[in-house]
Amino acid sequence: MATSADLATDPSLGARPPLGKIQHFQALEHSWSCSLAESIASRNLVLLLVAVSRFGNWALSATTAVLLLAVAGPRVFGLYLAATLVGVVFQSGVKRLCRRTRPCQRPDGPPQRAPIPDHGSFPSGHTLHAVMAAVVVTVLLPSVSPFFIIVAGLMAVSRVVLGVHYPTDVVAGGVIGALFAVLLLTLV
């Protein structure tokens, strides 16, 4: 793994000015992400995280929506669907603006262990929707909230371990998802 100091002094890169604080942080985050992704050698754990990640591709939102329809009624169901769609549009727009390359797409990045649903790493849409579901369900249906909280945590970890996101991508996705959930809950 190249450290930020290595990147700044690598003779093959030519003379380069020292990295600024943001670039230093990004280099450390990349190095940490690669180390975490490469440290998970258990095939079964990787398969579990791939399954969790795939569950985050609409299946989690659909499961949450149907559960809300059955227990909380059509108004909450409709609000949740609207929040989900707005979340997709919002995170897609932020990804287009930020244009952050995914860790696995960098030459020195970790292996890609999960399909990439779109371009851009920041923020994590999977984590956004998992956290939004967990917050909404925790408030409205606390009896099933442990499952949703565990899925949200595993979703965030899976996106980094599978090489498709940086930790700051999943933190940002989680914060945005929580904000969307709070907004939805104020309308309920």
N, C-alpha and C. Protein backbone atom coordinates (compact mmCIF):
# COMPACT_ATOMS: atom_id res chain seq x y z
N MET A 1 0.84 -1.18 0.00
CA MET A 1 0.00 0.00 0.00
C MET A 1 0.88 1.24 0.00
N ALA A 2 0.55 2.14 -0.87
CA ALA A 2 1.28 3.41 -0.91
C ALA A 2 0.70 4.35 0.13
N THR A 3 1.60 4.96 0.88
CA THR A 3 1.14 5.97 1.84
C THR A 3 1.18 7.32 1.16
N SER A 4 0.63 8.33 1.80
CA SER A 4 0.66 9.67 1.21
C SER A 4 2.09 10.16 1.05
N ALA A 5 2.99 9.80 1.98
CA ALA A 5 4.39 10.19 1.85
C ALA A 5 5.01 9.52 0.63
N ASP A 6 4.68 8.24 0.40
CA ASP A 6 5.18 7.54 -0.78
C ASP A 6 4.70 8.20 -2.06
N LEU A 7 3.43 8.59 -2.07
CA LEU A 7 2.87 9.23 -3.26
C LEU A 7 3.56 10.56 -3.55
N ALA A 8 3.93 11.27 -2.50
CA ALA A 8 4.56 12.58 -2.68
C ALA A 8 6.02 12.46 -3.09
N THR A 9 6.69 11.33 -2.77
CA THR A 9 8.12 11.22 -3.04
C THR A 9 8.48 10.14 -4.05
N ASP A 10 7.51 9.45 -4.61
CA ASP A 10 7.78 8.38 -5.57
C ASP A 10 8.53 8.96 -6.78
N PRO A 11 9.78 8.49 -7.04
CA PRO A 11 10.56 9.06 -8.14
C PRO A 11 9.92 8.81 -9.51
N SER A 12 9.15 7.76 -9.65
CA SER A 12 8.52 7.48 -10.94
C SER A 12 7.44 8.51 -11.28
N LEU A 13 6.98 9.23 -10.27
CA LEU A 13 5.95 10.25 -10.50
C LEU A 13 6.56 11.62 -10.79
N GLY A 14 7.87 11.73 -10.73
CA GLY A 14 8.52 13.01 -10.94
C GLY A 14 8.42 13.86 -9.69
N ALA A 15 9.00 15.05 -9.78
CA ALA A 15 8.95 15.95 -8.63
C ALA A 15 7.52 16.41 -8.40
N ARG A 16 7.07 16.24 -7.17
CA ARG A 16 5.70 16.62 -6.84
C ARG A 16 5.72 17.39 -5.54
N PRO A 17 4.87 18.37 -5.45
CA PRO A 17 4.79 19.11 -4.18
C PRO A 17 4.20 18.21 -3.10
N PRO A 18 4.47 18.51 -1.84
CA PRO A 18 3.87 17.72 -0.76
C PRO A 18 2.35 17.76 -0.84
N LEU A 19 1.75 16.68 -0.40
CA LEU A 19 0.30 16.58 -0.42
C LEU A 19 -0.31 17.53 0.61
N GLY A 20 -1.42 18.15 0.26
CA GLY A 20 -2.16 18.97 1.21
C GLY A 20 -2.92 18.08 2.17
N LYS A 21 -3.57 18.69 3.12
CA LYS A 21 -4.28 17.92 4.15
C LYS A 21 -5.39 17.06 3.57
N ILE A 22 -6.13 17.58 2.61
CA ILE A 22 -7.22 16.79 2.01
C ILE A 22 -6.65 15.61 1.24
N GLN A 23 -5.62 15.86 0.44
CA GLN A 23 -5.01 14.78 -0.32
C GLN A 23 -4.37 13.75 0.61
N HIS A 24 -3.78 14.23 1.70
CA HIS A 24 -3.19 13.32 2.68
C HIS A 24 -4.28 12.42 3.28
N PHE A 25 -5.40 13.03 3.66
CA PHE A 25 -6.51 12.24 4.20
C PHE A 25 -7.02 11.24 3.17
N GLN A 26 -7.17 11.67 1.91
CA GLN A 26 -7.66 10.78 0.87
C GLN A 26 -6.70 9.61 0.65
N ALA A 27 -5.41 9.87 0.68
CA ALA A 27 -4.43 8.80 0.51
C ALA A 27 -4.50 7.82 1.68
N LEU A 28 -4.64 8.35 2.89
CA LEU A 28 -4.77 7.46 4.06
C LEU A 28 -6.06 6.65 3.99
N GLU A 29 -7.15 7.30 3.59
CA GLU A 29 -8.43 6.58 3.48
C GLU A 29 -8.35 5.48 2.43
N HIS A 30 -7.70 5.77 1.31
CA HIS A 30 -7.55 4.77 0.26
C HIS A 30 -6.72 3.59 0.77
N SER A 31 -5.61 3.90 1.43
CA SER A 31 -4.75 2.86 1.97
C SER A 31 -5.51 2.01 2.99
N TRP A 32 -6.27 2.66 3.86
CA TRP A 32 -7.04 1.95 4.88
C TRP A 32 -8.12 1.08 4.22
N SER A 33 -8.79 1.62 3.21
CA SER A 33 -9.83 0.86 2.51
C SER A 33 -9.25 -0.39 1.85
N CYS A 34 -8.11 -0.22 1.20
CA CYS A 34 -7.46 -1.37 0.56
C CYS A 34 -7.07 -2.42 1.60
N SER A 35 -6.50 -1.97 2.71
CA SER A 35 -6.10 -2.91 3.77
C SER A 35 -7.29 -3.67 4.32
N LEU A 36 -8.39 -2.95 4.57
CA LEU A 36 -9.59 -3.60 5.10
C LEU A 36 -10.14 -4.61 4.10
N ALA A 37 -10.27 -4.20 2.84
CA ALA A 37 -10.82 -5.09 1.82
C ALA A 37 -9.96 -6.32 1.63
N GLU A 38 -8.64 -6.14 1.65
CA GLU A 38 -7.74 -7.27 1.42
C GLU A 38 -7.57 -8.16 2.66
N SER A 39 -7.93 -7.63 3.84
CA SER A 39 -7.77 -8.42 5.06
C SER A 39 -8.87 -9.46 5.24
N ILE A 40 -9.97 -9.31 4.53
CA ILE A 40 -11.09 -10.25 4.64
C ILE A 40 -10.83 -11.38 3.66
N ALA A 41 -10.33 -12.48 4.18
CA ALA A 41 -9.99 -13.62 3.33
C ALA A 41 -11.04 -14.72 3.38
N SER A 42 -11.94 -14.67 4.35
CA SER A 42 -12.93 -15.72 4.49
C SER A 42 -13.93 -15.66 3.34
N ARG A 43 -13.97 -16.72 2.57
CA ARG A 43 -14.91 -16.78 1.43
C ARG A 43 -16.35 -16.67 1.92
N ASN A 44 -16.66 -17.31 3.03
CA ASN A 44 -18.04 -17.26 3.55
C ASN A 44 -18.43 -15.85 3.98
N LEU A 45 -17.51 -15.14 4.61
CA LEU A 45 -17.80 -13.77 5.01
C LEU A 45 -18.00 -12.87 3.79
N VAL A 46 -17.16 -13.04 2.79
CA VAL A 46 -17.31 -12.26 1.55
C VAL A 46 -18.66 -12.57 0.90
N LEU A 47 -19.04 -13.84 0.85
CA LEU A 47 -20.32 -14.22 0.26
C LEU A 47 -21.49 -13.62 1.04
N LEU A 48 -21.39 -13.60 2.37
CA LEU A 48 -22.43 -12.97 3.19
C LEU A 48 -22.53 -11.48 2.87
N LEU A 49 -21.40 -10.81 2.78
CA LEU A 49 -21.41 -9.37 2.50
C LEU A 49 -21.90 -9.07 1.08
N VAL A 50 -21.59 -9.94 0.14
CA VAL A 50 -22.12 -9.78 -1.22
C VAL A 50 -23.64 -9.93 -1.19
N ALA A 51 -24.14 -10.92 -0.44
CA ALA A 51 -25.60 -11.12 -0.34
C ALA A 51 -26.27 -9.91 0.30
N VAL A 52 -25.68 -9.38 1.36
CA VAL A 52 -26.24 -8.18 2.00
C VAL A 52 -26.24 -7.03 1.01
N SER A 53 -25.15 -6.86 0.29
CA SER A 53 -25.04 -5.77 -0.68
C SER A 53 -26.09 -5.90 -1.78
N ARG A 54 -26.30 -7.11 -2.26
CA ARG A 54 -27.32 -7.32 -3.30
C ARG A 54 -28.73 -7.08 -2.76
N PHE A 55 -28.95 -7.41 -1.50
CA PHE A 55 -30.24 -7.14 -0.85
C PHE A 55 -30.51 -5.63 -0.84
N GLY A 56 -29.46 -4.85 -0.79
CA GLY A 56 -29.61 -3.40 -0.80
C GLY A 56 -29.98 -2.83 -2.15
N ASN A 57 -29.90 -3.63 -3.20
CA ASN A 57 -30.29 -3.20 -4.53
C ASN A 57 -31.80 -3.36 -4.71
N TRP A 58 -32.56 -2.50 -4.17
CA TRP A 58 -34.01 -2.41 -4.26
C TRP A 58 -34.77 -3.41 -3.39
N ALA A 59 -34.23 -4.57 -3.13
CA ALA A 59 -34.97 -5.55 -2.34
C ALA A 59 -35.24 -5.04 -0.93
N LEU A 60 -34.28 -4.37 -0.33
CA LEU A 60 -34.48 -3.82 1.02
C LEU A 60 -35.55 -2.74 1.01
N SER A 61 -35.50 -1.85 0.03
CA SER A 61 -36.52 -0.79 -0.05
C SER A 61 -37.90 -1.37 -0.30
N ALA A 62 -37.97 -2.39 -1.17
CA ALA A 62 -39.27 -3.02 -1.46
C ALA A 62 -39.80 -3.75 -0.22
N THR A 63 -38.94 -4.45 0.48
CA THR A 63 -39.35 -5.14 1.71
C THR A 63 -39.86 -4.14 2.74
N THR A 64 -39.13 -3.05 2.91
CA THR A 64 -39.53 -2.02 3.87
C THR A 64 -40.86 -1.40 3.47
N ALA A 65 -41.02 -1.10 2.19
CA ALA A 65 -42.26 -0.48 1.71
C ALA A 65 -43.46 -1.39 1.94
N VAL A 66 -43.34 -2.67 1.62
CA VAL A 66 -44.44 -3.62 1.82
C VAL A 66 -44.76 -3.76 3.31
N LEU A 67 -43.75 -3.84 4.13
CA LEU A 67 -43.96 -3.91 5.58
C LEU A 67 -44.69 -2.67 6.08
N LEU A 68 -44.28 -1.51 5.62
CA LEU A 68 -44.95 -0.27 6.04
C LEU A 68 -46.39 -0.21 5.53
N LEU A 69 -46.63 -0.69 4.33
CA LEU A 69 -47.99 -0.72 3.80
C LEU A 69 -48.88 -1.61 4.68
N ALA A 70 -48.36 -2.78 5.04
CA ALA A 70 -49.15 -3.73 5.83
C ALA A 70 -49.41 -3.24 7.25
N VAL A 71 -48.45 -2.56 7.84
CA VAL A 71 -48.56 -2.19 9.25
C VAL A 71 -48.96 -0.73 9.47
N ALA A 72 -48.42 0.17 8.66
CA ALA A 72 -48.65 1.60 8.90
C ALA A 72 -49.65 2.23 7.92
N GLY A 73 -49.98 1.53 6.85
CA GLY A 73 -51.00 2.02 5.93
C GLY A 73 -50.46 2.67 4.68
N PRO A 74 -51.37 2.98 3.75
CA PRO A 74 -50.98 3.49 2.43
C PRO A 74 -50.30 4.86 2.46
N ARG A 75 -50.65 5.72 3.40
CA ARG A 75 -50.02 7.05 3.44
C ARG A 75 -48.53 6.93 3.75
N VAL A 76 -48.18 6.14 4.76
CA VAL A 76 -46.77 5.95 5.12
C VAL A 76 -46.05 5.22 3.98
N PHE A 77 -46.71 4.24 3.40
CA PHE A 77 -46.16 3.52 2.25
C PHE A 77 -45.81 4.50 1.13
N GLY A 78 -46.74 5.37 0.79
CA GLY A 78 -46.51 6.36 -0.27
C GLY A 78 -45.39 7.33 0.07
N LEU A 79 -45.34 7.77 1.31
CA LEU A 79 -44.26 8.67 1.74
C LEU A 79 -42.90 7.97 1.65
N TYR A 80 -42.88 6.71 2.05
CA TYR A 80 -41.62 5.96 1.99
C TYR A 80 -41.17 5.78 0.54
N LEU A 81 -42.10 5.43 -0.34
CA LEU A 81 -41.74 5.29 -1.76
C LEU A 81 -41.22 6.60 -2.32
N ALA A 82 -41.88 7.70 -1.98
CA ALA A 82 -41.44 9.01 -2.46
C ALA A 82 -40.04 9.33 -1.93
N ALA A 83 -39.81 9.07 -0.65
CA ALA A 83 -38.49 9.34 -0.07
C ALA A 83 -37.41 8.47 -0.73
N THR A 84 -37.77 7.22 -1.04
CA THR A 84 -36.82 6.32 -1.70
C THR A 84 -36.45 6.85 -3.08
N LEU A 85 -37.45 7.27 -3.84
CA LEU A 85 -37.18 7.79 -5.19
C LEU A 85 -36.40 9.10 -5.14
N VAL A 86 -36.75 9.98 -4.21
CA VAL A 86 -36.00 11.23 -4.06
C VAL A 86 -34.56 10.92 -3.63
N GLY A 87 -34.40 9.91 -2.78
CA GLY A 87 -33.05 9.50 -2.37
C GLY A 87 -32.21 9.03 -3.54
N VAL A 88 -32.81 8.28 -4.45
CA VAL A 88 -32.09 7.81 -5.64
C VAL A 88 -31.66 8.99 -6.50
N VAL A 89 -32.58 9.89 -6.75
CA VAL A 89 -32.27 11.07 -7.57
C VAL A 89 -31.21 11.93 -6.89
N PHE A 90 -31.35 12.15 -5.59
CA PHE A 90 -30.41 12.99 -4.85
C PHE A 90 -29.01 12.40 -4.87
N GLN A 91 -28.89 11.13 -4.49
CA GLN A 91 -27.55 10.54 -4.44
C GLN A 91 -26.93 10.42 -5.83
N SER A 92 -27.75 10.20 -6.85
CA SER A 92 -27.22 10.16 -8.22
C SER A 92 -26.67 11.52 -8.63
N GLY A 93 -27.40 12.58 -8.25
CA GLY A 93 -26.93 13.93 -8.56
C GLY A 93 -25.63 14.26 -7.84
N VAL A 94 -25.54 13.88 -6.57
CA VAL A 94 -24.31 14.14 -5.81
C VAL A 94 -23.15 13.36 -6.42
N LYS A 95 -23.40 12.12 -6.84
CA LYS A 95 -22.34 11.33 -7.47
C LYS A 95 -21.85 11.98 -8.76
N ARG A 96 -22.78 12.52 -9.55
CA ARG A 96 -22.39 13.20 -10.78
C ARG A 96 -21.56 14.45 -10.49
N LEU A 97 -21.92 15.16 -9.44
CA LEU A 97 -21.17 16.37 -9.07
C LEU A 97 -19.78 16.04 -8.53
N CYS A 98 -19.71 15.04 -7.67
CA CYS A 98 -18.44 14.72 -7.00
C CYS A 98 -17.48 13.93 -7.88
N ARG A 99 -18.01 13.04 -8.68
CA ARG A 99 -17.20 12.21 -9.59
C ARG A 99 -16.04 11.52 -8.90
N ARG A 100 -16.30 10.99 -7.74
CA ARG A 100 -15.25 10.28 -7.01
C ARG A 100 -15.10 8.87 -7.55
N THR A 101 -13.89 8.50 -7.88
CA THR A 101 -13.60 7.17 -8.40
C THR A 101 -13.72 6.14 -7.28
N ARG A 102 -14.33 5.02 -7.58
CA ARG A 102 -14.46 3.96 -6.59
C ARG A 102 -13.08 3.35 -6.31
N PRO A 103 -12.87 2.87 -5.08
CA PRO A 103 -11.56 2.31 -4.74
C PRO A 103 -11.13 1.20 -5.69
N CYS A 104 -12.04 0.31 -6.05
CA CYS A 104 -11.70 -0.83 -6.90
C CYS A 104 -11.39 -0.43 -8.33
N GLN A 105 -11.71 0.80 -8.71
CA GLN A 105 -11.46 1.26 -10.08
C GLN A 105 -10.11 1.96 -10.21
N ARG A 106 -9.42 2.12 -9.09
CA ARG A 106 -8.07 2.70 -9.13
C ARG A 106 -7.07 1.58 -9.37
N PRO A 107 -6.00 1.86 -10.10
CA PRO A 107 -5.01 0.80 -10.37
C PRO A 107 -4.44 0.15 -9.11
N ASP A 108 -4.31 0.94 -8.05
CA ASP A 108 -3.76 0.41 -6.80
C ASP A 108 -4.86 0.07 -5.80
N GLY A 109 -6.08 -0.10 -6.29
CA GLY A 109 -7.23 -0.32 -5.42
C GLY A 109 -7.43 -1.78 -5.05
N PRO A 110 -8.37 -2.00 -4.15
CA PRO A 110 -8.70 -3.38 -3.74
C PRO A 110 -9.47 -4.08 -4.86
N PRO A 111 -9.62 -5.39 -4.74
CA PRO A 111 -10.41 -6.10 -5.75
C PRO A 111 -11.89 -5.71 -5.67
N GLN A 112 -12.53 -5.71 -6.82
CA GLN A 112 -13.98 -5.46 -6.87
C GLN A 112 -14.67 -6.78 -6.61
N ARG A 113 -15.44 -6.84 -5.51
CA ARG A 113 -16.09 -8.08 -5.13
C ARG A 113 -17.61 -8.01 -5.24
N ALA A 114 -18.12 -6.91 -5.75
CA ALA A 114 -19.57 -6.75 -5.90
C ALA A 114 -19.83 -5.96 -7.17
N PRO A 115 -21.00 -6.17 -7.78
CA PRO A 115 -21.34 -5.39 -8.96
C PRO A 115 -21.44 -3.90 -8.61
N ILE A 116 -21.09 -3.07 -9.56
CA ILE A 116 -21.18 -1.62 -9.36
C ILE A 116 -22.43 -1.15 -10.10
N PRO A 117 -23.42 -0.64 -9.35
CA PRO A 117 -24.68 -0.26 -9.98
C PRO A 117 -24.63 1.04 -10.77
N ASP A 118 -23.67 1.90 -10.48
CA ASP A 118 -23.57 3.19 -11.18
C ASP A 118 -22.16 3.71 -11.05
N HIS A 119 -21.91 4.84 -11.67
CA HIS A 119 -20.58 5.44 -11.58
C HIS A 119 -20.55 6.41 -10.41
N GLY A 120 -19.42 6.49 -9.81
CA GLY A 120 -19.25 7.42 -8.70
C GLY A 120 -19.36 6.72 -7.37
N SER A 121 -18.48 7.12 -6.49
CA SER A 121 -18.38 6.46 -5.19
C SER A 121 -19.08 7.23 -4.08
N PHE A 122 -19.12 8.54 -4.18
CA PHE A 122 -19.62 9.38 -3.08
C PHE A 122 -20.97 9.97 -3.43
N PRO A 123 -21.99 9.72 -2.60
CA PRO A 123 -22.11 8.90 -1.39
C PRO A 123 -22.58 7.49 -1.73
N SER A 124 -22.59 6.62 -0.74
CA SER A 124 -23.07 5.26 -0.94
C SER A 124 -24.60 5.23 -0.93
N GLY A 125 -25.18 4.92 -2.07
CA GLY A 125 -26.64 4.81 -2.16
C GLY A 125 -27.17 3.63 -1.38
N HIS A 126 -26.44 2.51 -1.39
CA HIS A 126 -26.87 1.34 -0.62
C HIS A 126 -27.01 1.70 0.86
N THR A 127 -25.99 2.39 1.38
CA THR A 127 -26.02 2.75 2.80
C THR A 127 -27.11 3.78 3.07
N LEU A 128 -27.30 4.72 2.17
CA LEU A 128 -28.36 5.72 2.31
C LEU A 128 -29.71 5.02 2.52
N HIS A 129 -30.04 4.10 1.65
CA HIS A 129 -31.34 3.44 1.73
C HIS A 129 -31.45 2.47 2.91
N ALA A 130 -30.34 1.82 3.27
CA ALA A 130 -30.37 0.92 4.43
C ALA A 130 -30.58 1.69 5.73
N VAL A 131 -29.89 2.83 5.87
CA VAL A 131 -30.06 3.64 7.09
C VAL A 131 -31.44 4.29 7.11
N MET A 132 -31.90 4.76 5.97
CA MET A 132 -33.25 5.35 5.93
C MET A 132 -34.29 4.31 6.37
N ALA A 133 -34.18 3.10 5.85
CA ALA A 133 -35.12 2.04 6.25
C ALA A 133 -35.00 1.74 7.74
N ALA A 134 -33.78 1.64 8.25
CA ALA A 134 -33.58 1.32 9.66
C ALA A 134 -34.17 2.38 10.58
N VAL A 135 -33.98 3.65 10.25
CA VAL A 135 -34.50 4.73 11.10
C VAL A 135 -36.03 4.75 11.06
N VAL A 136 -36.61 4.64 9.87
CA VAL A 136 -38.07 4.66 9.75
C VAL A 136 -38.68 3.48 10.49
N VAL A 137 -38.13 2.30 10.28
CA VAL A 137 -38.67 1.11 10.93
C VAL A 137 -38.46 1.17 12.44
N THR A 138 -37.34 1.69 12.89
CA THR A 138 -37.10 1.79 14.33
C THR A 138 -38.15 2.66 15.01
N VAL A 139 -38.56 3.73 14.36
CA VAL A 139 -39.56 4.63 14.94
C VAL A 139 -40.97 4.04 14.82
N LEU A 140 -41.30 3.51 13.64
CA LEU A 140 -42.67 3.08 13.40
C LEU A 140 -42.96 1.62 13.77
N LEU A 141 -41.96 0.77 13.70
CA LEU A 141 -42.15 -0.67 13.96
C LEU A 141 -40.98 -1.20 14.80
N PRO A 142 -40.85 -0.74 16.02
CA PRO A 142 -39.67 -1.08 16.82
C PRO A 142 -39.46 -2.58 17.03
N SER A 143 -40.49 -3.37 16.93
CA SER A 143 -40.33 -4.82 17.17
C SER A 143 -39.45 -5.49 16.11
N VAL A 144 -39.39 -4.95 14.91
CA VAL A 144 -38.55 -5.54 13.86
C VAL A 144 -37.29 -4.72 13.58
N SER A 145 -37.11 -3.68 14.38
CA SER A 145 -35.97 -2.79 14.11
C SER A 145 -34.60 -3.45 14.25
N PRO A 146 -34.39 -4.43 15.15
CA PRO A 146 -33.05 -5.02 15.23
C PRO A 146 -32.56 -5.58 13.89
N PHE A 147 -33.45 -6.24 13.16
CA PHE A 147 -33.07 -6.77 11.85
C PHE A 147 -32.61 -5.65 10.92
N PHE A 148 -33.35 -4.56 10.87
CA PHE A 148 -33.02 -3.46 9.97
C PHE A 148 -31.75 -2.73 10.39
N ILE A 149 -31.52 -2.63 11.69
CA ILE A 149 -30.30 -1.99 12.18
C ILE A 149 -29.08 -2.83 11.83
N ILE A 150 -29.20 -4.15 12.00
CA ILE A 150 -28.09 -5.05 11.64
C ILE A 150 -27.82 -4.98 10.15
N VAL A 151 -28.87 -4.99 9.34
CA VAL A 151 -28.69 -4.91 7.88
C VAL A 151 -28.01 -3.59 7.51
N ALA A 152 -28.40 -2.49 8.12
CA ALA A 152 -27.78 -1.19 7.81
C ALA A 152 -26.30 -1.21 8.16
N GLY A 153 -25.96 -1.76 9.32
CA GLY A 153 -24.55 -1.85 9.70
C GLY A 153 -23.75 -2.74 8.76
N LEU A 154 -24.30 -3.90 8.45
CA LEU A 154 -23.62 -4.80 7.51
C LEU A 154 -23.51 -4.20 6.12
N MET A 155 -24.54 -3.44 5.71
CA MET A 155 -24.51 -2.80 4.40
C MET A 155 -23.34 -1.82 4.32
N ALA A 156 -23.19 -1.00 5.34
CA ALA A 156 -22.11 -0.01 5.35
C ALA A 156 -20.74 -0.71 5.30
N VAL A 157 -20.56 -1.72 6.13
CA VAL A 157 -19.29 -2.45 6.16
C VAL A 157 -19.06 -3.16 4.82
N SER A 158 -20.11 -3.76 4.28
CA SER A 158 -19.95 -4.53 3.04
C SER A 158 -19.46 -3.67 1.89
N ARG A 159 -19.92 -2.45 1.81
CA ARG A 159 -19.56 -1.60 0.67
C ARG A 159 -18.06 -1.27 0.68
N VAL A 160 -17.48 -1.15 1.88
CA VAL A 160 -16.04 -0.90 1.98
C VAL A 160 -15.26 -2.19 1.75
N VAL A 161 -15.66 -3.27 2.43
CA VAL A 161 -14.95 -4.54 2.31
C VAL A 161 -15.00 -5.09 0.88
N LEU A 162 -16.08 -4.83 0.18
CA LEU A 162 -16.21 -5.33 -1.20
C LEU A 162 -15.49 -4.45 -2.21
N GLY A 163 -14.86 -3.38 -1.72
CA GLY A 163 -14.00 -2.55 -2.57
C GLY A 163 -14.71 -1.51 -3.40
N VAL A 164 -16.00 -1.27 -3.16
CA VAL A 164 -16.75 -0.35 -4.02
C VAL A 164 -16.98 1.03 -3.40
N HIS A 165 -16.62 1.20 -2.12
CA HIS A 165 -16.77 2.50 -1.47
C HIS A 165 -15.66 2.74 -0.45
N TYR A 166 -15.44 4.02 -0.19
CA TYR A 166 -14.57 4.45 0.90
C TYR A 166 -15.41 4.64 2.16
N PRO A 167 -14.78 4.62 3.33
CA PRO A 167 -15.55 4.85 4.56
C PRO A 167 -16.33 6.18 4.55
N THR A 168 -15.75 7.23 4.02
CA THR A 168 -16.49 8.50 4.00
C THR A 168 -17.70 8.44 3.09
N ASP A 169 -17.68 7.57 2.08
CA ASP A 169 -18.85 7.39 1.22
C ASP A 169 -20.01 6.81 2.01
N VAL A 170 -19.70 5.80 2.85
CA VAL A 170 -20.78 5.16 3.60
C VAL A 170 -21.24 6.04 4.75
N VAL A 171 -20.34 6.81 5.35
CA VAL A 171 -20.76 7.75 6.40
C VAL A 171 -21.69 8.80 5.80
N ALA A 172 -21.31 9.35 4.66
CA ALA A 172 -22.17 10.35 4.01
C ALA A 172 -23.51 9.75 3.62
N GLY A 173 -23.50 8.54 3.05
CA GLY A 173 -24.75 7.87 2.70
C GLY A 173 -25.63 7.65 3.92
N GLY A 174 -25.01 7.25 5.03
CA GLY A 174 -25.77 7.04 6.26
C GLY A 174 -26.38 8.32 6.80
N VAL A 175 -25.62 9.40 6.78
CA VAL A 175 -26.14 10.69 7.26
C VAL A 175 -27.29 11.16 6.38
N ILE A 176 -27.12 11.06 5.08
CA ILE A 176 -28.19 11.49 4.16
C ILE A 176 -29.43 10.61 4.36
N GLY A 177 -29.24 9.30 4.51
CA GLY A 177 -30.36 8.40 4.75
C GLY A 177 -31.10 8.72 6.03
N ALA A 178 -30.35 9.04 7.08
CA ALA A 178 -30.98 9.41 8.36
C ALA A 178 -31.76 10.71 8.21
N LEU A 179 -31.21 11.67 7.49
CA LEU A 179 -31.92 12.94 7.27
C LEU A 179 -33.20 12.73 6.47
N PHE A 180 -33.14 11.91 5.44
CA PHE A 180 -34.34 11.61 4.66
C PHE A 180 -35.40 10.93 5.55
N ALA A 181 -34.94 10.02 6.41
CA ALA A 181 -35.88 9.33 7.31
C ALA A 181 -36.54 10.30 8.27
N VAL A 182 -35.76 11.20 8.85
CA VAL A 182 -36.32 12.19 9.78
C VAL A 182 -37.32 13.08 9.05
N LEU A 183 -36.99 13.49 7.85
CA LEU A 183 -37.92 14.30 7.05
C LEU A 183 -39.22 13.53 6.79
N LEU A 184 -39.10 12.28 6.40
CA LEU A 184 -40.28 11.45 6.17
C LEU A 184 -41.10 11.32 7.44
N LEU A 185 -40.45 11.09 8.56
CA LEU A 185 -41.16 10.89 9.82
C LEU A 185 -41.87 12.16 10.30
N THR A 186 -41.37 13.33 9.93
CA THR A 186 -42.07 14.56 10.29
C THR A 186 -43.37 14.72 9.51
N LEU A 187 -43.47 14.01 8.37
CA LEU A 187 -44.68 14.09 7.54
C LEU A 187 -45.71 13.03 7.91
N VAL A 188 -45.31 12.05 8.73
CA VAL A 188 -46.22 10.95 9.08
C VAL A 188 -47.25 11.42 10.07
